[in-house]
Every structure is written in structure tokens, then in C-alpha cells.
Amino acid sequence: MGVREVALAAKEAARVLARVSSDRKDGALRAMAAALEREAPKLLEENRADLDQARKNGLSGPMLDRLALTQRIISEMAQGLREVAALPDPVGQVVRMWRRPNGLLVGRMRIPLG
């Protein structure tokens, strides 16, 4: 998938996310956290294989360090998803309002990127 296709997919995803309830988004984030923890052994196994291949391809030590997963990293990723789920949903929040000289009321509302 090229950059253009990724951008178009992101734009469509933003349209969909704008209509999804906060409860569903939070539920999806919690489900992703649970899936990360449930699939951790497989993720770690696949990561080891990826690292072995990267070493064979001559990837530098610092790059290998960035790619390496540990149980702790996976747990922190899952916890991060849960923390985001616990935050208030910013979509639809009006963060600034002002009145133009002609009397028109203008506001800035948070929307999904895309």
C-alpha cells in the first residue's frame, strides 16, 4: 500500500471514528490491551525471529534495541491503551469560540485526524 492509499484509508477511518460512540472506542482500546497481553508469547516469539533476521541483514545495535520487545514493553503498551481509554473523548469538544466583527460566532472543534 502506497502513501496515497494509506492517506485515503486514514481519511475514511476518521469519518467512521467521528460517528463511533465513546463507549465503543474505549471498549476497542481495552480489547486491544487484552489482546496484546493474551498474544504476548506469540508476539515475543515472532519478534525474536524478526530480530534474528535483522541481525543477519546487518541492522545496527541501536536499531535492534528499538525493535526488541519484552514482556515489560508489551505490558506497558497494554497499560497505555487502558490509560487512553480512561481519558475523556476529545472528539466533538469545542476548544475555542470567538465572535467575528460581523457578529458571526466561530468555534474550533476537535475531530479525528484523517
PDB file of N, CA and C in Angstrom:
ATOM      1  N   MET A   1       0.856  -1.176   0.000  1.00  0.00           N
ATOM      2  CA  MET A   1       0.000   0.000   0.000  1.00  0.00           C
ATOM      3  C   MET A   1       0.900   1.236   0.000  1.00  0.00           C
ATOM      4  N   GLY A   2       0.657   2.131  -0.939  1.00  0.00           N
ATOM      5  CA  GLY A   2       1.451   3.341  -1.045  1.00  0.00           C
ATOM      6  C   GLY A   2       0.984   4.429  -0.094  1.00  0.00           C
ATOM      7  N   VAL A   3       1.721   5.533  -0.080  1.00  0.00           N
ATOM      8  CA  VAL A   3       1.416   6.648   0.814  1.00  0.00           C
ATOM      9  C   VAL A   3       0.021   7.208   0.528  1.00  0.00           C
ATOM     10  N   ARG A   4      -0.309   7.341  -0.737  1.00  0.00           N
ATOM     11  CA  ARG A   4      -1.632   7.885  -1.098  1.00  0.00           C
ATOM     12  C   ARG A   4      -2.751   6.988  -0.569  1.00  0.00           C
ATOM     13  N   GLU A   5      -2.588   5.674  -0.737  1.00  0.00           N
ATOM     14  CA  GLU A   5      -3.611   4.739  -0.266  1.00  0.00           C
ATOM     15  C   GLU A   5      -3.743   4.774   1.253  1.00  0.00           C
ATOM     16  N   VAL A   6      -2.611   4.896   1.936  1.00  0.00           N
ATOM     17  CA  VAL A   6      -2.640   4.989   3.403  1.00  0.00           C
ATOM     18  C   VAL A   6      -3.369   6.261   3.831  1.00  0.00           C
ATOM     19  N   ALA A   7      -3.087   7.366   3.152  1.00  0.00           N
ATOM     20  CA  ALA A   7      -3.739   8.636   3.486  1.00  0.00           C
ATOM     21  C   ALA A   7      -5.245   8.563   3.248  1.00  0.00           C
ATOM     22  N   LEU A   8      -5.652   7.958   2.140  1.00  0.00           N
ATOM     23  CA  LEU A   8      -7.082   7.821   1.857  1.00  0.00           C
ATOM     24  C   LEU A   8      -7.766   6.915   2.876  1.00  0.00           C
ATOM     25  N   ALA A   9      -7.088   5.840   3.266  1.00  0.00           N
ATOM     26  CA  ALA A   9      -7.649   4.939   4.284  1.00  0.00           C
ATOM     27  C   ALA A   9      -7.782   5.662   5.622  1.00  0.00           C
ATOM     28  N   ALA A  10      -6.803   6.494   5.965  1.00  0.00           N
ATOM     29  CA  ALA A  10      -6.860   7.255   7.219  1.00  0.00           C
ATOM     30  C   ALA A  10      -8.019   8.246   7.190  1.00  0.00           C
ATOM     31  N   LYS A  11      -8.229   8.865   6.046  1.00  0.00           N
ATOM     32  CA  LYS A  11      -9.329   9.824   5.920  1.00  0.00           C
ATOM     33  C   LYS A  11     -10.674   9.122   6.107  1.00  0.00           C
ATOM     34  N   GLU A  12     -10.829   7.953   5.514  1.00  0.00           N
ATOM     35  CA  GLU A  12     -12.073   7.197   5.667  1.00  0.00           C
ATOM     36  C   GLU A  12     -12.243   6.728   7.107  1.00  0.00           C
ATOM     37  N   ALA A  13     -11.151   6.283   7.727  1.00  0.00           N
ATOM     38  CA  ALA A  13     -11.218   5.849   9.126  1.00  0.00           C
ATOM     39  C   ALA A  13     -11.646   7.006  10.024  1.00  0.00           C
ATOM     40  N   ALA A  14     -11.184   8.209   9.728  1.00  0.00           N
ATOM     41  CA  ALA A  14     -11.565   9.380  10.526  1.00  0.00           C
ATOM     42  C   ALA A  14     -13.065   9.631  10.424  1.00  0.00           C
ATOM     43  N   ARG A  15     -13.616   9.456   9.228  1.00  0.00           N
ATOM     44  CA  ARG A  15     -15.067   9.637   9.059  1.00  0.00           C
ATOM     45  C   ARG A  15     -15.838   8.624   9.901  1.00  0.00           C
ATOM     46  N   VAL A  16     -15.367   7.390   9.888  1.00  0.00           N
ATOM     47  CA  VAL A  16     -16.028   6.336  10.663  1.00  0.00           C
ATOM     48  C   VAL A  16     -15.904   6.626  12.156  1.00  0.00           C
ATOM     49  N   LEU A  17     -14.693   6.971  12.605  1.00  0.00           N
ATOM     50  CA  LEU A  17     -14.472   7.241  14.030  1.00  0.00           C
ATOM     51  C   LEU A  17     -15.301   8.414  14.542  1.00  0.00           C
ATOM     52  N   ALA A  18     -15.570   9.365  13.683  1.00  0.00           N
ATOM     53  CA  ALA A  18     -16.359  10.523  14.105  1.00  0.00           C
ATOM     54  C   ALA A  18     -17.773  10.114  14.511  1.00  0.00           C
ATOM     55  N   ARG A  19     -18.246   8.971  13.988  1.00  0.00           N
ATOM     56  CA  ARG A  19     -19.611   8.522  14.283  1.00  0.00           C
ATOM     57  C   ARG A  19     -19.668   7.431  15.351  1.00  0.00           C
ATOM     58  N   VAL A  20     -18.529   6.959  15.816  1.00  0.00           N
ATOM     59  CA  VAL A  20     -18.494   5.875  16.805  1.00  0.00           C
ATOM     60  C   VAL A  20     -18.599   6.470  18.211  1.00  0.00           C
ATOM     61  N   SER A  21     -19.382   5.818  19.049  1.00  0.00           N
ATOM     62  CA  SER A  21     -19.567   6.324  20.414  1.00  0.00           C
ATOM     63  C   SER A  21     -18.278   6.192  21.228  1.00  0.00           C
ATOM     64  N   SER A  22     -18.170   7.020  22.241  1.00  0.00           N
ATOM     65  CA  SER A  22     -17.011   6.957  23.145  1.00  0.00           C
ATOM     66  C   SER A  22     -16.910   5.585  23.795  1.00  0.00           C
ATOM     67  N   ASP A  23     -18.045   5.009  24.186  1.00  0.00           N
ATOM     68  CA  ASP A  23     -18.030   3.688  24.821  1.00  0.00           C
ATOM     69  C   ASP A  23     -17.450   2.628  23.893  1.00  0.00           C
ATOM     70  N   ARG A  24     -17.820   2.692  22.616  1.00  0.00           N
ATOM     71  CA  ARG A  24     -17.283   1.701  21.663  1.00  0.00           C
ATOM     72  C   ARG A  24     -15.788   1.903  21.446  1.00  0.00           C
ATOM     73  N   LYS A  25     -15.354   3.163  21.336  1.00  0.00           N
ATOM     74  CA  LYS A  25     -13.919   3.426  21.164  1.00  0.00           C
ATOM     75  C   LYS A  25     -13.142   2.951  22.384  1.00  0.00           C
ATOM     76  N   ASP A  26     -13.653   3.257  23.577  1.00  0.00           N
ATOM     77  CA  ASP A  26     -12.981   2.824  24.805  1.00  0.00           C
ATOM     78  C   ASP A  26     -12.956   1.299  24.897  1.00  0.00           C
ATOM     79  N   GLY A  27     -14.054   0.660  24.515  1.00  0.00           N
ATOM     80  CA  GLY A  27     -14.107  -0.800  24.518  1.00  0.00           C
ATOM     81  C   GLY A  27     -13.097  -1.402  23.559  1.00  0.00           C
ATOM     82  N   ALA A  28     -12.943  -0.782  22.393  1.00  0.00           N
ATOM     83  CA  ALA A  28     -11.963  -1.266  21.418  1.00  0.00           C
ATOM     84  C   ALA A  28     -10.547  -1.131  21.971  1.00  0.00           C
ATOM     85  N   LEU A  29     -10.258  -0.024  22.631  1.00  0.00           N
ATOM     86  CA  LEU A  29      -8.929   0.166  23.225  1.00  0.00           C
ATOM     87  C   LEU A  29      -8.660  -0.877  24.311  1.00  0.00           C
ATOM     88  N   ARG A  30      -9.666  -1.139  25.150  1.00  0.00           N
ATOM     89  CA  ARG A  30      -9.493  -2.157  26.203  1.00  0.00           C
ATOM     90  C   ARG A  30      -9.332  -3.548  25.591  1.00  0.00           C
ATOM     91  N   ALA A  31     -10.060  -3.827  24.511  1.00  0.00           N
ATOM     92  CA  ALA A  31      -9.928  -5.123  23.832  1.00  0.00           C
ATOM     93  C   ALA A  31      -8.539  -5.275  23.218  1.00  0.00           C
ATOM     94  N   MET A  32      -7.991  -4.190  22.670  1.00  0.00           N
ATOM     95  CA  MET A  32      -6.632  -4.240  22.121  1.00  0.00           C
ATOM     96  C   MET A  32      -5.619  -4.513  23.226  1.00  0.00           C
ATOM     97  N   ALA A  33      -5.818  -3.893  24.381  1.00  0.00           N
ATOM     98  CA  ALA A  33      -4.912  -4.124  25.515  1.00  0.00           C
ATOM     99  C   ALA A  33      -4.959  -5.588  25.934  1.00  0.00           C
ATOM    100  N   ALA A  34      -6.156  -6.140  26.030  1.00  0.00           N
ATOM    101  CA  ALA A  34      -6.297  -7.547  26.418  1.00  0.00           C
ATOM    102  C   ALA A  34      -5.668  -8.465  25.374  1.00  0.00           C
ATOM    103  N   ALA A  35      -5.847  -8.132  24.093  1.00  0.00           N
ATOM    104  CA  ALA A  35      -5.266  -8.950  23.024  1.00  0.00           C
ATOM    105  C   ALA A  35      -3.741  -8.913  23.068  1.00  0.00           C
ATOM    106  N   LEU A  36      -3.174  -7.746  23.335  1.00  0.00           N
ATOM    107  CA  LEU A  36      -1.714  -7.654  23.466  1.00  0.00           C
ATOM    108  C   LEU A  36      -1.213  -8.591  24.556  1.00  0.00           C
ATOM    109  N   GLU A  37      -1.868  -8.564  25.692  1.00  0.00           N
ATOM    110  CA  GLU A  37      -1.432  -9.411  26.808  1.00  0.00           C
ATOM    111  C   GLU A  37      -1.666 -10.888  26.510  1.00  0.00           C
ATOM    112  N   ARG A  38      -2.800 -11.195  25.906  1.00  0.00           N
ATOM    113  CA  ARG A  38      -3.119 -12.583  25.586  1.00  0.00           C
ATOM    114  C   ARG A  38      -2.146 -13.157  24.550  1.00  0.00           C
ATOM    115  N   GLU A  39      -1.780 -12.341  23.574  1.00  0.00           N
ATOM    116  CA  GLU A  39      -0.922 -12.795  22.477  1.00  0.00           C
ATOM    117  C   GLU A  39       0.561 -12.516  22.721  1.00  0.00           C
ATOM    118  N   ALA A  40       0.913 -12.079  23.915  1.00  0.00           N
ATOM    119  CA  ALA A  40       2.308 -11.727  24.216  1.00  0.00           C
ATOM    120  C   ALA A  40       3.286 -12.843  23.878  1.00  0.00           C
ATOM    121  N   PRO A  41       3.028 -14.101  24.251  1.00  0.00           N
ATOM    122  CA  PRO A  41       4.001 -15.148  23.905  1.00  0.00           C
ATOM    123  C   PRO A  41       4.254 -15.245  22.398  1.00  0.00           C
ATOM    124  N   LYS A  42       3.195 -15.165  21.611  1.00  0.00           N
ATOM    125  CA  LYS A  42       3.360 -15.228  20.155  1.00  0.00           C
ATOM    126  C   LYS A  42       4.094 -13.991  19.638  1.00  0.00           C
ATOM    127  N   LEU A  43       3.744 -12.819  20.166  1.00  0.00           N
ATOM    128  CA  LEU A  43       4.425 -11.592  19.752  1.00  0.00           C
ATOM    129  C   LEU A  43       5.916 -11.660  20.049  1.00  0.00           C
ATOM    130  N   LEU A  44       6.255 -12.165  21.226  1.00  0.00           N
ATOM    131  CA  LEU A  44       7.665 -12.272  21.609  1.00  0.00           C
ATOM    132  C   LEU A  44       8.398 -13.265  20.716  1.00  0.00           C
ATOM    133  N   GLU A  45       7.750 -14.372  20.398  1.00  0.00           N
ATOM    134  CA  GLU A  45       8.360 -15.374  19.513  1.00  0.00           C
ATOM    135  C   GLU A  45       8.602 -14.799  18.119  1.00  0.00           C
ATOM    136  N   GLU A  46       7.598 -14.121  17.577  1.00  0.00           N
ATOM    137  CA  GLU A  46       7.741 -13.510  16.249  1.00  0.00           C
ATOM    138  C   GLU A  46       8.782 -12.399  16.266  1.00  0.00           C
ATOM    139  N   ASN A  47       8.841 -11.650  17.355  1.00  0.00           N
ATOM    140  CA  ASN A  47       9.830 -10.589  17.475  1.00  0.00           C
ATOM    141  C   ASN A  47      11.241 -11.162  17.490  1.00  0.00           C
ATOM    142  N   ARG A  48      11.423 -12.288  18.190  1.00  0.00           N
ATOM    143  CA  ARG A  48      12.746 -12.936  18.189  1.00  0.00           C
ATOM    144  C   ARG A  48      13.153 -13.325  16.772  1.00  0.00           C
ATOM    145  N   ALA A  49      12.213 -13.880  16.001  1.00  0.00           N
ATOM    146  CA  ALA A  49      12.510 -14.253  14.615  1.00  0.00           C
ATOM    147  C   ALA A  49      12.854 -13.015  13.787  1.00  0.00           C
ATOM    148  N   ASP A  50      12.104 -11.935  13.984  1.00  0.00           N
ATOM    149  CA  ASP A  50      12.391 -10.689  13.262  1.00  0.00           C
ATOM    150  C   ASP A  50      13.778 -10.159  13.616  1.00  0.00           C
ATOM    151  N   LEU A  51      14.122 -10.209  14.899  1.00  0.00           N
ATOM    152  CA  LEU A  51      15.435  -9.728  15.335  1.00  0.00           C
ATOM    153  C   LEU A  51      16.555 -10.586  14.757  1.00  0.00           C
ATOM    154  N   ASP A  52      16.355 -11.904  14.718  1.00  0.00           N
ATOM    155  CA  ASP A  52      17.364 -12.787  14.114  1.00  0.00           C
ATOM    156  C   ASP A  52      17.590 -12.416  12.656  1.00  0.00           C
ATOM    157  N   GLN A  53      16.502 -12.204  11.927  1.00  0.00           N
ATOM    158  CA  GLN A  53      16.618 -11.828  10.517  1.00  0.00           C
ATOM    159  C   GLN A  53      17.280 -10.457  10.379  1.00  0.00           C
ATOM    160  N   ALA A  54      16.945  -9.533  11.247  1.00  0.00           N
ATOM    161  CA  ALA A  54      17.540  -8.196  11.198  1.00  0.00           C
ATOM    162  C   ALA A  54      19.045  -8.264  11.454  1.00  0.00           C
ATOM    163  N   ARG A  55      19.448  -9.120  12.401  1.00  0.00           N
ATOM    164  CA  ARG A  55      20.888  -9.294  12.658  1.00  0.00           C
ATOM    165  C   ARG A  55      21.590  -9.830  11.419  1.00  0.00           C
ATOM    166  N   LYS A  56      20.976 -10.825  10.773  1.00  0.00           N
ATOM    167  CA  LYS A  56      21.557 -11.410   9.554  1.00  0.00           C
ATOM    168  C   LYS A  56      21.677 -10.370   8.451  1.00  0.00           C
ATOM    169  N   ASN A  57      20.760  -9.409   8.452  1.00  0.00           N
ATOM    170  CA  ASN A  57      20.780  -8.351   7.439  1.00  0.00           C
ATOM    171  C   ASN A  57      21.676  -7.183   7.828  1.00  0.00           C
ATOM    172  N   GLY A  58      22.350  -7.288   8.977  1.00  0.00           N
ATOM    173  CA  GLY A  58      23.314  -6.273   9.377  1.00  0.00           C
ATOM    174  C   GLY A  58      22.737  -5.027  10.014  1.00  0.00           C
ATOM    175  N   LEU A  59      21.552  -5.124  10.578  1.00  0.00           N
ATOM    176  CA  LEU A  59      20.969  -3.965  11.251  1.00  0.00           C
ATOM    177  C   LEU A  59      21.826  -3.591  12.456  1.00  0.00           C
ATOM    178  N   SER A  60      21.987  -2.313  12.698  1.00  0.00           N
ATOM    179  CA  SER A  60      22.853  -1.837  13.779  1.00  0.00           C
ATOM    180  C   SER A  60      22.280  -2.187  15.149  1.00  0.00           C
ATOM    181  N   GLY A  61      23.150  -2.209  16.140  1.00  0.00           N
ATOM    182  CA  GLY A  61      22.747  -2.495  17.515  1.00  0.00           C
ATOM    183  C   GLY A  61      21.651  -1.577  18.029  1.00  0.00           C
ATOM    184  N   PRO A  62      21.799  -0.253  17.858  1.00  0.00           N
ATOM    185  CA  PRO A  62      20.740   0.646  18.328  1.00  0.00           C
ATOM    186  C   PRO A  62      19.388   0.384  17.652  1.00  0.00           C
ATOM    187  N   MET A  63      19.410   0.048  16.366  1.00  0.00           N
ATOM    188  CA  MET A  63      18.148  -0.257  15.680  1.00  0.00           C
ATOM    189  C   MET A  63      17.551  -1.554  16.212  1.00  0.00           C
ATOM    190  N   LEU A  64      18.396  -2.542  16.474  1.00  0.00           N
ATOM    191  CA  LEU A  64      17.916  -3.800  17.055  1.00  0.00           C
ATOM    192  C   LEU A  64      17.279  -3.541  18.416  1.00  0.00           C
ATOM    193  N   ASP A  65      17.915  -2.676  19.210  1.00  0.00           N
ATOM    194  CA  ASP A  65      17.367  -2.339  20.530  1.00  0.00           C
ATOM    195  C   ASP A  65      15.981  -1.715  20.407  1.00  0.00           C
ATOM    196  N   ARG A  66      15.791  -0.867  19.407  1.00  0.00           N
ATOM    197  CA  ARG A  66      14.491  -0.215  19.216  1.00  0.00           C
ATOM    198  C   ARG A  66      13.412  -1.205  18.800  1.00  0.00           C
ATOM    199  N   LEU A  67      13.826  -2.250  18.070  1.00  0.00           N
ATOM    200  CA  LEU A  67      12.860  -3.235  17.581  1.00  0.00           C
ATOM    201  C   LEU A  67      12.527  -4.317  18.599  1.00  0.00           C
ATOM    202  N   ALA A  68      13.385  -4.489  19.596  1.00  0.00           N
ATOM    203  CA  ALA A  68      13.225  -5.596  20.541  1.00  0.00           C
ATOM    204  C   ALA A  68      12.031  -5.385  21.465  1.00  0.00           C
ATOM    205  N   LEU A  69      11.197  -6.420  21.563  1.00  0.00           N
ATOM    206  CA  LEU A  69      10.079  -6.418  22.502  1.00  0.00           C
ATOM    207  C   LEU A  69      10.440  -7.253  23.718  1.00  0.00           C
ATOM    208  N   THR A  70       9.891  -6.867  24.849  1.00  0.00           N
ATOM    209  CA  THR A  70       9.995  -7.661  26.072  1.00  0.00           C
ATOM    210  C   THR A  70       8.591  -7.746  26.664  1.00  0.00           C
ATOM    211  N   GLN A  71       8.428  -8.641  27.623  1.00  0.00           N
ATOM    212  CA  GLN A  71       7.136  -8.733  28.298  1.00  0.00           C
ATOM    213  C   GLN A  71       6.784  -7.393  28.945  1.00  0.00           C
ATOM    214  N   ARG A  72       7.788  -6.731  29.501  1.00  0.00           N
ATOM    215  CA  ARG A  72       7.552  -5.430  30.140  1.00  0.00           C
ATOM    216  C   ARG A  72       7.049  -4.396  29.134  1.00  0.00           C
ATOM    217  N   ILE A  73       7.657  -4.358  27.956  1.00  0.00           N
ATOM    218  CA  ILE A  73       7.235  -3.398  26.928  1.00  0.00           C
ATOM    219  C   ILE A  73       5.800  -3.673  26.497  1.00  0.00           C
ATOM    220  N   ILE A  74       5.466  -4.946  26.312  1.00  0.00           N
ATOM    221  CA  ILE A  74       4.102  -5.298  25.913  1.00  0.00           C
ATOM    222  C   ILE A  74       3.115  -4.902  27.008  1.00  0.00           C
ATOM    223  N   SER A  75       3.472  -5.157  28.260  1.00  0.00           N
ATOM    224  CA  SER A  75       2.601  -4.769  29.381  1.00  0.00           C
ATOM    225  C   SER A  75       2.412  -3.258  29.427  1.00  0.00           C
ATOM    226  N   GLU A  76       3.478  -2.504  29.179  1.00  0.00           N
ATOM    227  CA  GLU A  76       3.382  -1.040  29.172  1.00  0.00           C
ATOM    228  C   GLU A  76       2.521  -0.547  28.009  1.00  0.00           C
ATOM    229  N   MET A  77       2.616  -1.217  26.860  1.00  0.00           N
ATOM    230  CA  MET A  77       1.766  -0.857  25.726  1.00  0.00           C
ATOM    231  C   MET A  77       0.296  -1.073  26.085  1.00  0.00           C
ATOM    232  N   ALA A  78      -0.001  -2.217  26.698  1.00  0.00           N
ATOM    233  CA  ALA A  78      -1.378  -2.519  27.101  1.00  0.00           C
ATOM    234  C   ALA A  78      -1.870  -1.501  28.129  1.00  0.00           C
ATOM    235  N   GLN A  79      -1.021  -1.174  29.083  1.00  0.00           N
ATOM    236  CA  GLN A  79      -1.403  -0.187  30.097  1.00  0.00           C
ATOM    237  C   GLN A  79      -1.649   1.180  29.457  1.00  0.00           C
ATOM    238  N   GLY A  80      -0.834   1.541  28.487  1.00  0.00           N
ATOM    239  CA  GLY A  80      -1.028   2.805  27.778  1.00  0.00           C
ATOM    240  C   GLY A  80      -2.378   2.862  27.074  1.00  0.00           C
ATOM    241  N   LEU A  81      -2.781   1.748  26.463  1.00  0.00           N
ATOM    242  CA  LEU A  81      -4.094   1.698  25.821  1.00  0.00           C
ATOM    243  C   LEU A  81      -5.211   1.877  26.845  1.00  0.00           C
ATOM    244  N   ARG A  82      -5.053   1.238  28.003  1.00  0.00           N
ATOM    245  CA  ARG A  82      -6.070   1.387  29.053  1.00  0.00           C
ATOM    246  C   ARG A  82      -6.129   2.829  29.569  1.00  0.00           C
ATOM    247  N   GLU A  83      -4.975   3.478  29.662  1.00  0.00           N
ATOM    248  CA  GLU A  83      -4.949   4.871  30.117  1.00  0.00           C
ATOM    249  C   GLU A  83      -5.647   5.785  29.116  1.00  0.00           C
ATOM    250  N   VAL A  84      -5.430   5.537  27.827  1.00  0.00           N
ATOM    251  CA  VAL A  84      -6.114   6.341  26.808  1.00  0.00           C
ATOM    252  C   VAL A  84      -7.620   6.106  26.888  1.00  0.00           C
ATOM    253  N   ALA A  85      -8.028   4.849  27.096  1.00  0.00           N
ATOM    254  CA  ALA A  85      -9.461   4.536  27.208  1.00  0.00           C
ATOM    255  C   ALA A  85     -10.099   5.256  28.390  1.00  0.00           C
ATOM    256  N   ALA A  86      -9.328   5.508  29.430  1.00  0.00           N
ATOM    257  CA  ALA A  86      -9.860   6.170  30.631  1.00  0.00           C
ATOM    258  C   ALA A  86      -9.971   7.689  30.462  1.00  0.00           C
ATOM    259  N   LEU A  87      -9.346   8.236  29.438  1.00  0.00           N
ATOM    260  CA  LEU A  87      -9.403   9.685  29.202  1.00  0.00           C
ATOM    261  C   LEU A  87     -10.752  10.075  28.602  1.00  0.00           C
ATOM    262  N   PRO A  88     -11.169  11.322  28.809  1.00  0.00           N
ATOM    263  CA  PRO A  88     -12.390  11.783  28.142  1.00  0.00           C
ATOM    264  C   PRO A  88     -12.170  11.824  26.628  1.00  0.00           C
ATOM    265  N   ASP A  89     -13.202  11.490  25.879  1.00  0.00           N
ATOM    266  CA  ASP A  89     -13.120  11.508  24.415  1.00  0.00           C
ATOM    267  C   ASP A  89     -13.080  12.962  23.943  1.00  0.00           C
ATOM    268  N   PRO A  90     -12.014  13.375  23.253  1.00  0.00           N
ATOM    269  CA  PRO A  90     -11.922  14.771  22.821  1.00  0.00           C
ATOM    270  C   PRO A  90     -12.765  15.082  21.583  1.00  0.00           C
ATOM    271  N   VAL A  91     -13.196  14.053  20.843  1.00  0.00           N
ATOM    272  CA  VAL A  91     -13.934  14.295  19.599  1.00  0.00           C
ATOM    273  C   VAL A  91     -15.239  15.019  19.908  1.00  0.00           C
ATOM    274  N   GLY A  92     -15.440  16.114  19.220  1.00  0.00           N
ATOM    275  CA  GLY A  92     -16.649  16.907  19.398  1.00  0.00           C
ATOM    276  C   GLY A  92     -16.506  18.033  20.408  1.00  0.00           C
ATOM    277  N   GLN A  93     -15.404  18.058  21.162  1.00  0.00           N
ATOM    278  CA  GLN A  93     -15.203  19.134  22.134  1.00  0.00           C
ATOM    279  C   GLN A  93     -14.899  20.446  21.407  1.00  0.00           C
ATOM    280  N   VAL A  94     -15.544  21.497  21.841  1.00  0.00           N
ATOM    281  CA  VAL A  94     -15.247  22.828  21.318  1.00  0.00           C
ATOM    282  C   VAL A  94     -14.171  23.414  22.223  1.00  0.00           C
ATOM    283  N   VAL A  95     -13.005  23.693  21.638  1.00  0.00           N
ATOM    284  CA  VAL A  95     -11.872  24.147  22.447  1.00  0.00           C
ATOM    285  C   VAL A  95     -11.682  25.658  22.404  1.00  0.00           C
ATOM    286  N   ARG A  96     -12.368  26.315  21.492  1.00  0.00           N
ATOM    287  CA  ARG A  96     -12.234  27.767  21.425  1.00  0.00           C
ATOM    288  C   ARG A  96     -13.424  28.339  20.658  1.00  0.00           C
ATOM    289  N   MET A  97     -13.970  29.421  21.165  1.00  0.00           N
ATOM    290  CA  MET A  97     -15.072  30.116  20.487  1.00  0.00           C
ATOM    291  C   MET A  97     -14.762  31.609  20.471  1.00  0.00           C
ATOM    292  N   TRP A  98     -15.112  32.265  19.394  1.00  0.00           N
ATOM    293  CA  TRP A  98     -14.953  33.713  19.326  1.00  0.00           C
ATOM    294  C   TRP A  98     -15.985  34.293  18.360  1.00  0.00           C
ATOM    295  N   ARG A  99     -16.224  35.558  18.531  1.00  0.00           N
ATOM    296  CA  ARG A  99     -17.193  36.255  17.687  1.00  0.00           C
ATOM    297  C   ARG A  99     -16.431  37.161  16.731  1.00  0.00           C
ATOM    298  N   ARG A 100     -16.758  37.031  15.467  1.00  0.00           N
ATOM    299  CA  ARG A 100     -16.143  37.863  14.433  1.00  0.00           C
ATOM    300  C   ARG A 100     -16.748  39.270  14.492  1.00  0.00           C
ATOM    301  N   PRO A 101     -16.056  40.256  13.933  1.00  0.00           N
ATOM    302  CA  PRO A 101     -16.586  41.625  13.949  1.00  0.00           C
ATOM    303  C   PRO A 101     -17.988  41.740  13.343  1.00  0.00           C
ATOM    304  N   ASN A 102     -18.312  40.848  12.411  1.00  0.00           N
ATOM    305  CA  ASN A 102     -19.643  40.893  11.786  1.00  0.00           C
ATOM    306  C   ASN A 102     -20.705  40.173  12.617  1.00  0.00           C
ATOM    307  N   GLY A 103     -20.315  39.670  13.815  1.00  0.00           N
ATOM    308  CA  GLY A 103     -21.259  39.011  14.703  1.00  0.00           C
ATOM    309  C   GLY A 103     -21.299  37.496  14.571  1.00  0.00           C
ATOM    310  N   LEU A 104     -20.638  36.957  13.555  1.00  0.00           N
ATOM    311  CA  LEU A 104     -20.630  35.510  13.340  1.00  0.00           C
ATOM    312  C   LEU A 104     -19.844  34.820  14.454  1.00  0.00           C
ATOM    313  N   LEU A 105     -20.441  33.814  15.067  1.00  0.00           N
ATOM    314  CA  LEU A 105     -19.782  33.045  16.119  1.00  0.00           C
ATOM    315  C   LEU A 105     -19.008  31.903  15.464  1.00  0.00           C
ATOM    316  N   VAL A 106     -17.714  31.825  15.752  1.00  0.00           N
ATOM    317  CA  VAL A 106     -16.831  30.824  15.154  1.00  0.00           C
ATOM    318  C   VAL A 106     -16.230  29.987  16.272  1.00  0.00           C
ATOM    319  N   GLY A 107     -16.113  28.685  16.029  1.00  0.00           N
ATOM    320  CA  GLY A 107     -15.530  27.808  17.039  1.00  0.00           C
ATOM    321  C   GLY A 107     -14.568  26.811  16.432  1.00  0.00           C
ATOM    322  N   ARG A 108     -13.709  26.298  17.285  1.00  0.00           N
ATOM    323  CA  ARG A 108     -12.766  25.255  16.888  1.00  0.00           C
ATOM    324  C   ARG A 108     -13.174  23.982  17.627  1.00  0.00           C
ATOM    325  N   MET A 109     -13.500  22.939  16.850  1.00  0.00           N
ATOM    326  CA  MET A 109     -13.949  21.683  17.425  1.00  0.00           C
ATOM    327  C   MET A 109     -12.932  20.587  17.120  1.00  0.00           C
ATOM    328  N   ARG A 110     -12.712  19.714  18.096  1.00  0.00           N
ATOM    329  CA  ARG A 110     -11.794  18.593  17.897  1.00  0.00           C
ATOM    330  C   ARG A 110     -12.484  17.507  17.078  1.00  0.00           C
ATOM    331  N   ILE A 111     -11.750  17.025  16.065  1.00  0.00           N
ATOM    332  CA  ILE A 111     -12.259  15.970  15.191  1.00  0.00           C
ATOM    333  C   ILE A 111     -11.169  14.920  15.004  1.00  0.00           C
ATOM    334  N   PRO A 112     -11.527  13.702  14.567  1.00  0.00           N
ATOM    335  CA  PRO A 112     -10.490  12.706  14.279  1.00  0.00           C
ATOM    336  C   PRO A 112      -9.641  13.167  13.098  1.00  0.00           C
ATOM    337  N   LEU A 113      -8.346  12.876  13.135  1.00  0.00           N
ATOM    338  CA  LEU A 113      -7.466  13.211  12.019  1.00  0.00           C
ATOM    339  C   LEU A 113      -7.744  12.270  10.862  1.00  0.00           C
ATOM    340  N   GLY A 114      -7.451  12.750   9.667  1.00  0.00           N
ATOM    341  CA  GLY A 114      -7.624  11.862   8.519  1.00  0.00           C
ATOM    342  C   GLY A 114      -7.697  12.586   7.244  1.00  0.00           C
TER     343      GLY A 114
END
